[in-house]
N, C-alpha and C. Protein backbone atom coordinates (compact mmCIF):
# COMPACT_ATOMS: atom_id res chain seq x y z
N UNK A 1 86.02 15.62 -108.21
CA UNK A 1 85.23 14.70 -108.99
C UNK A 1 85.28 13.30 -108.37
N UNK A 2 86.50 12.87 -107.95
CA UNK A 2 86.66 11.55 -107.36
C UNK A 2 85.83 11.43 -106.08
N UNK A 3 85.81 12.49 -105.26
CA UNK A 3 85.05 12.45 -104.02
C UNK A 3 83.56 12.28 -104.29
N UNK A 4 83.04 12.95 -105.28
CA UNK A 4 81.62 12.86 -105.62
C UNK A 4 81.28 11.46 -106.11
N UNK A 5 82.11 10.92 -106.96
CA UNK A 5 81.88 9.56 -107.47
C UNK A 5 81.97 8.53 -106.36
N UNK A 6 82.95 8.70 -105.48
CA UNK A 6 83.11 7.77 -104.36
C UNK A 6 81.91 7.84 -103.44
N UNK A 7 81.46 9.04 -103.12
CA UNK A 7 80.30 9.19 -102.24
C UNK A 7 79.05 8.59 -102.88
N UNK A 8 78.88 8.82 -104.18
CA UNK A 8 77.72 8.26 -104.88
C UNK A 8 77.78 6.74 -104.89
N UNK A 9 78.96 6.19 -105.12
CA UNK A 9 79.12 4.74 -105.11
C UNK A 9 78.81 4.17 -103.73
N UNK A 10 79.34 4.78 -102.69
CA UNK A 10 79.09 4.31 -101.32
C UNK A 10 77.60 4.39 -100.99
N UNK A 11 76.96 5.47 -101.40
CA UNK A 11 75.53 5.62 -101.14
C UNK A 11 74.74 4.52 -101.82
N UNK A 12 75.07 4.23 -103.07
CA UNK A 12 74.34 3.19 -103.80
C UNK A 12 74.56 1.81 -103.20
N UNK A 13 75.77 1.54 -102.76
CA UNK A 13 76.05 0.25 -102.11
C UNK A 13 75.26 0.14 -100.82
N UNK A 14 75.27 1.19 -100.01
CA UNK A 14 74.53 1.17 -98.76
C UNK A 14 73.03 1.06 -99.02
N UNK A 15 72.54 1.81 -99.98
CA UNK A 15 71.12 1.75 -100.33
C UNK A 15 70.73 0.34 -100.74
N UNK A 16 71.55 -0.27 -101.55
CA UNK A 16 71.25 -1.63 -102.00
C UNK A 16 71.24 -2.60 -100.84
N UNK A 17 72.23 -2.48 -99.95
CA UNK A 17 72.30 -3.44 -98.84
C UNK A 17 71.21 -3.22 -97.81
N UNK A 18 70.77 -2.00 -97.60
CA UNK A 18 69.75 -1.74 -96.60
C UNK A 18 68.32 -1.93 -97.12
N UNK A 19 68.08 -1.52 -98.34
CA UNK A 19 66.72 -1.51 -98.85
C UNK A 19 66.35 -2.68 -99.75
N UNK A 20 67.33 -3.27 -100.39
CA UNK A 20 67.00 -4.30 -101.36
C UNK A 20 67.05 -5.70 -100.76
N UNK A 21 67.55 -5.83 -99.55
CA UNK A 21 67.60 -7.14 -98.92
C UNK A 21 66.22 -7.52 -98.42
N UNK A 22 65.80 -8.73 -98.35
CA UNK A 22 66.60 -9.92 -98.60
C UNK A 22 66.81 -10.23 -100.07
N UNK A 23 65.88 -9.89 -100.94
CA UNK A 23 66.04 -10.28 -102.35
C UNK A 23 65.37 -9.28 -103.27
N UNK A 24 66.03 -9.00 -104.37
CA UNK A 24 65.42 -8.26 -105.46
C UNK A 24 65.54 -9.15 -106.68
N UNK A 25 64.43 -9.44 -107.29
CA UNK A 25 64.45 -10.30 -108.47
C UNK A 25 64.00 -9.50 -109.68
N UNK A 26 64.95 -9.03 -110.46
CA UNK A 26 64.63 -8.29 -111.67
C UNK A 26 64.53 -9.29 -112.82
N UNK A 27 63.45 -9.28 -113.53
CA UNK A 27 63.29 -10.15 -114.69
C UNK A 27 63.58 -9.31 -115.93
N UNK A 28 64.83 -9.19 -116.28
CA UNK A 28 65.23 -8.36 -117.42
C UNK A 28 65.34 -6.90 -117.01
N UNK A 29 65.57 -6.04 -117.97
CA UNK A 29 65.72 -4.61 -117.70
C UNK A 29 64.40 -4.01 -117.25
N UNK A 30 64.47 -3.13 -116.27
CA UNK A 30 63.28 -2.47 -115.75
C UNK A 30 63.28 -1.01 -116.20
N UNK A 31 62.15 -0.51 -116.52
CA UNK A 31 61.97 0.90 -116.85
C UNK A 31 61.52 1.62 -115.59
N UNK A 32 61.85 2.93 -115.43
CA UNK A 32 61.35 3.67 -114.27
C UNK A 32 59.84 3.53 -114.14
N UNK A 33 59.40 3.19 -112.96
CA UNK A 33 57.97 3.04 -112.70
C UNK A 33 57.46 1.63 -112.84
N UNK A 34 58.23 0.75 -113.49
CA UNK A 34 57.78 -0.64 -113.61
C UNK A 34 57.94 -1.36 -112.28
N UNK A 35 57.18 -2.41 -112.13
CA UNK A 35 57.20 -3.17 -110.88
C UNK A 35 58.34 -4.19 -110.88
N UNK A 36 58.96 -4.37 -109.72
CA UNK A 36 59.98 -5.40 -109.52
C UNK A 36 59.68 -6.10 -108.20
N UNK A 37 60.09 -7.33 -108.08
CA UNK A 37 59.86 -8.08 -106.84
C UNK A 37 60.88 -7.66 -105.79
N UNK A 38 60.44 -6.92 -104.80
CA UNK A 38 61.32 -6.49 -103.72
C UNK A 38 60.49 -6.25 -102.46
N UNK A 39 61.12 -6.41 -101.31
CA UNK A 39 60.43 -6.14 -100.06
C UNK A 39 60.63 -4.69 -99.60
N UNK A 40 61.48 -3.95 -100.32
CA UNK A 40 61.74 -2.55 -99.96
C UNK A 40 60.51 -1.70 -100.21
N UNK A 41 60.21 -0.78 -99.28
CA UNK A 41 59.09 0.14 -99.47
C UNK A 41 59.42 1.20 -100.50
N UNK A 42 60.68 1.65 -100.49
CA UNK A 42 61.13 2.71 -101.39
C UNK A 42 62.53 2.36 -101.87
N UNK A 43 62.82 2.72 -103.12
CA UNK A 43 64.17 2.50 -103.63
C UNK A 43 64.37 3.24 -104.94
N UNK A 44 65.64 3.43 -105.28
CA UNK A 44 66.00 3.99 -106.57
C UNK A 44 67.34 3.40 -106.96
N UNK A 45 67.46 3.01 -108.21
CA UNK A 45 68.73 2.52 -108.74
C UNK A 45 69.14 3.52 -109.82
N UNK A 46 70.31 4.13 -109.61
CA UNK A 46 70.78 5.19 -110.50
C UNK A 46 72.15 4.84 -111.03
N UNK A 47 72.34 4.99 -112.34
CA UNK A 47 73.63 4.75 -112.96
C UNK A 47 74.55 5.92 -112.63
N UNK A 48 75.66 5.64 -111.95
CA UNK A 48 76.56 6.70 -111.47
C UNK A 48 77.15 7.53 -112.59
N UNK A 49 77.58 6.90 -113.66
CA UNK A 49 78.30 7.64 -114.70
C UNK A 49 77.41 8.63 -115.45
N UNK A 50 76.12 8.34 -115.59
CA UNK A 50 75.24 9.23 -116.35
C UNK A 50 74.18 9.91 -115.49
N UNK A 51 73.94 9.37 -114.29
CA UNK A 51 72.87 9.90 -113.45
C UNK A 51 71.50 9.42 -113.88
N UNK A 52 71.46 8.50 -114.86
CA UNK A 52 70.19 7.99 -115.38
C UNK A 52 69.52 7.08 -114.36
N UNK A 53 68.25 7.32 -114.16
CA UNK A 53 67.48 6.50 -113.24
C UNK A 53 67.11 5.20 -113.93
N UNK A 54 67.54 4.07 -113.35
CA UNK A 54 67.27 2.77 -113.94
C UNK A 54 66.00 2.15 -113.39
N UNK A 55 65.71 2.42 -112.13
CA UNK A 55 64.51 1.86 -111.50
C UNK A 55 64.15 2.71 -110.30
N UNK A 56 62.86 2.79 -110.02
CA UNK A 56 62.41 3.51 -108.82
C UNK A 56 61.15 2.86 -108.28
N UNK A 57 60.97 2.99 -106.98
CA UNK A 57 59.75 2.52 -106.32
C UNK A 57 59.49 3.48 -105.17
N UNK A 58 58.38 4.19 -105.20
CA UNK A 58 58.00 5.16 -104.18
C UNK A 58 59.14 6.14 -103.85
N UNK A 59 59.84 6.60 -104.88
CA UNK A 59 61.02 7.45 -104.68
C UNK A 59 60.68 8.79 -104.04
N UNK A 60 59.45 9.25 -104.16
CA UNK A 60 59.06 10.54 -103.59
C UNK A 60 58.73 10.45 -102.10
N UNK A 61 58.51 9.25 -101.60
CA UNK A 61 58.10 9.06 -100.21
C UNK A 61 59.25 9.41 -99.27
N UNK A 62 58.96 10.25 -98.27
CA UNK A 62 59.98 10.61 -97.29
C UNK A 62 60.17 9.45 -96.32
N UNK A 63 61.43 9.14 -96.05
CA UNK A 63 61.79 8.06 -95.15
C UNK A 63 62.77 8.60 -94.11
N UNK A 64 62.87 7.93 -92.96
CA UNK A 64 63.87 8.37 -91.97
C UNK A 64 65.28 8.20 -92.54
N UNK A 65 66.19 9.03 -92.05
CA UNK A 65 67.56 8.98 -92.51
C UNK A 65 68.16 7.61 -92.21
N UNK A 66 68.92 7.07 -93.14
CA UNK A 66 69.56 5.77 -92.94
C UNK A 66 70.92 5.97 -92.27
N UNK A 67 71.83 5.10 -92.49
CA UNK A 67 73.13 5.13 -91.82
C UNK A 67 74.09 6.09 -92.50
N UNK A 68 73.85 7.38 -92.31
CA UNK A 68 74.70 8.40 -92.91
C UNK A 68 76.14 8.28 -92.45
N UNK A 69 76.34 7.90 -91.19
CA UNK A 69 77.70 7.74 -90.66
C UNK A 69 78.45 6.68 -91.45
N UNK A 70 77.79 5.59 -91.79
CA UNK A 70 78.45 4.52 -92.55
C UNK A 70 78.83 5.02 -93.94
N UNK A 71 77.97 5.80 -94.56
CA UNK A 71 78.26 6.34 -95.89
C UNK A 71 79.47 7.25 -95.82
N UNK A 72 79.48 8.15 -94.84
CA UNK A 72 80.60 9.10 -94.71
C UNK A 72 81.90 8.38 -94.37
N UNK A 73 81.83 7.36 -93.52
CA UNK A 73 83.03 6.59 -93.18
C UNK A 73 83.58 5.89 -94.41
N UNK A 74 82.72 5.24 -95.18
CA UNK A 74 83.17 4.55 -96.39
C UNK A 74 83.78 5.53 -97.38
N UNK A 75 83.15 6.68 -97.59
CA UNK A 75 83.68 7.68 -98.52
C UNK A 75 85.03 8.20 -98.05
N UNK A 76 85.17 8.44 -96.75
CA UNK A 76 86.43 8.93 -96.19
C UNK A 76 87.55 7.90 -96.38
N UNK A 77 87.25 6.65 -96.09
CA UNK A 77 88.24 5.59 -96.26
C UNK A 77 88.66 5.47 -97.72
N UNK A 78 87.70 5.43 -98.63
CA UNK A 78 88.04 5.28 -100.04
C UNK A 78 88.84 6.46 -100.59
N UNK A 79 88.59 7.65 -100.07
CA UNK A 79 89.31 8.84 -100.53
C UNK A 79 90.71 8.96 -99.93
N UNK A 80 90.92 8.38 -98.74
CA UNK A 80 92.17 8.62 -98.03
C UNK A 80 93.05 7.41 -97.79
N UNK A 81 92.61 6.24 -98.18
CA UNK A 81 93.37 5.03 -97.89
C UNK A 81 93.85 4.40 -99.19
N UNK A 82 95.18 4.29 -99.33
CA UNK A 82 95.75 3.70 -100.54
C UNK A 82 95.72 2.17 -100.50
N UNK A 83 95.78 1.59 -99.29
CA UNK A 83 95.83 0.14 -99.14
C UNK A 83 94.60 -0.34 -98.37
N UNK A 84 93.56 -0.77 -99.10
CA UNK A 84 92.33 -1.20 -98.45
C UNK A 84 92.46 -2.57 -97.78
N UNK A 85 93.58 -3.25 -98.01
CA UNK A 85 93.83 -4.55 -97.36
C UNK A 85 94.48 -4.39 -95.99
N UNK A 86 94.95 -3.19 -95.68
CA UNK A 86 95.65 -2.94 -94.42
C UNK A 86 94.69 -3.08 -93.24
N UNK A 87 95.11 -3.81 -92.21
CA UNK A 87 94.30 -4.00 -91.01
C UNK A 87 94.57 -2.83 -90.07
N UNK A 88 93.49 -2.22 -89.58
CA UNK A 88 93.58 -1.10 -88.66
C UNK A 88 92.95 -1.51 -87.33
N UNK A 89 93.67 -1.33 -86.24
CA UNK A 89 93.14 -1.66 -84.92
C UNK A 89 92.58 -0.41 -84.28
N UNK A 90 91.34 -0.48 -83.84
CA UNK A 90 90.68 0.65 -83.21
C UNK A 90 90.79 0.47 -81.69
N UNK A 91 91.31 1.48 -80.98
CA UNK A 91 91.45 1.35 -79.52
C UNK A 91 90.09 1.21 -78.84
N UNK A 92 90.03 0.50 -77.74
CA UNK A 92 88.78 0.32 -77.00
C UNK A 92 88.15 1.64 -76.62
N UNK A 93 88.97 2.67 -76.33
CA UNK A 93 88.45 3.99 -75.95
C UNK A 93 87.62 4.63 -77.06
N UNK A 94 87.91 4.28 -78.31
CA UNK A 94 87.25 4.90 -79.45
C UNK A 94 85.90 4.25 -79.77
N UNK A 95 85.68 3.04 -79.27
CA UNK A 95 84.46 2.32 -79.57
C UNK A 95 83.27 2.99 -78.90
N UNK A 96 82.24 3.26 -79.68
CA UNK A 96 81.02 3.86 -79.14
C UNK A 96 81.05 5.37 -79.03
N UNK A 97 82.12 6.00 -79.45
CA UNK A 97 82.23 7.46 -79.37
C UNK A 97 81.49 8.07 -80.53
């Protein structure tokens, strides 16, 4: 259960940072299908605890895959790392692999 919630949380954070930037201006609560000021072509905001869709824009439109590696890395770190403040040094050999 924790892994699913962590993965969903990471996905939503990544989705927000990639699709909602530079700005999303919600004027009060939005209903599914209502218009919001955003530069994103497609988006969905989903409440993790209930799965309820809070907002959508062109959610059916197929888009190229985003940064799946970043989502998986974030989920792996959150599931396996007890101290998120710990600094980890990555060897030069590992960069770009």
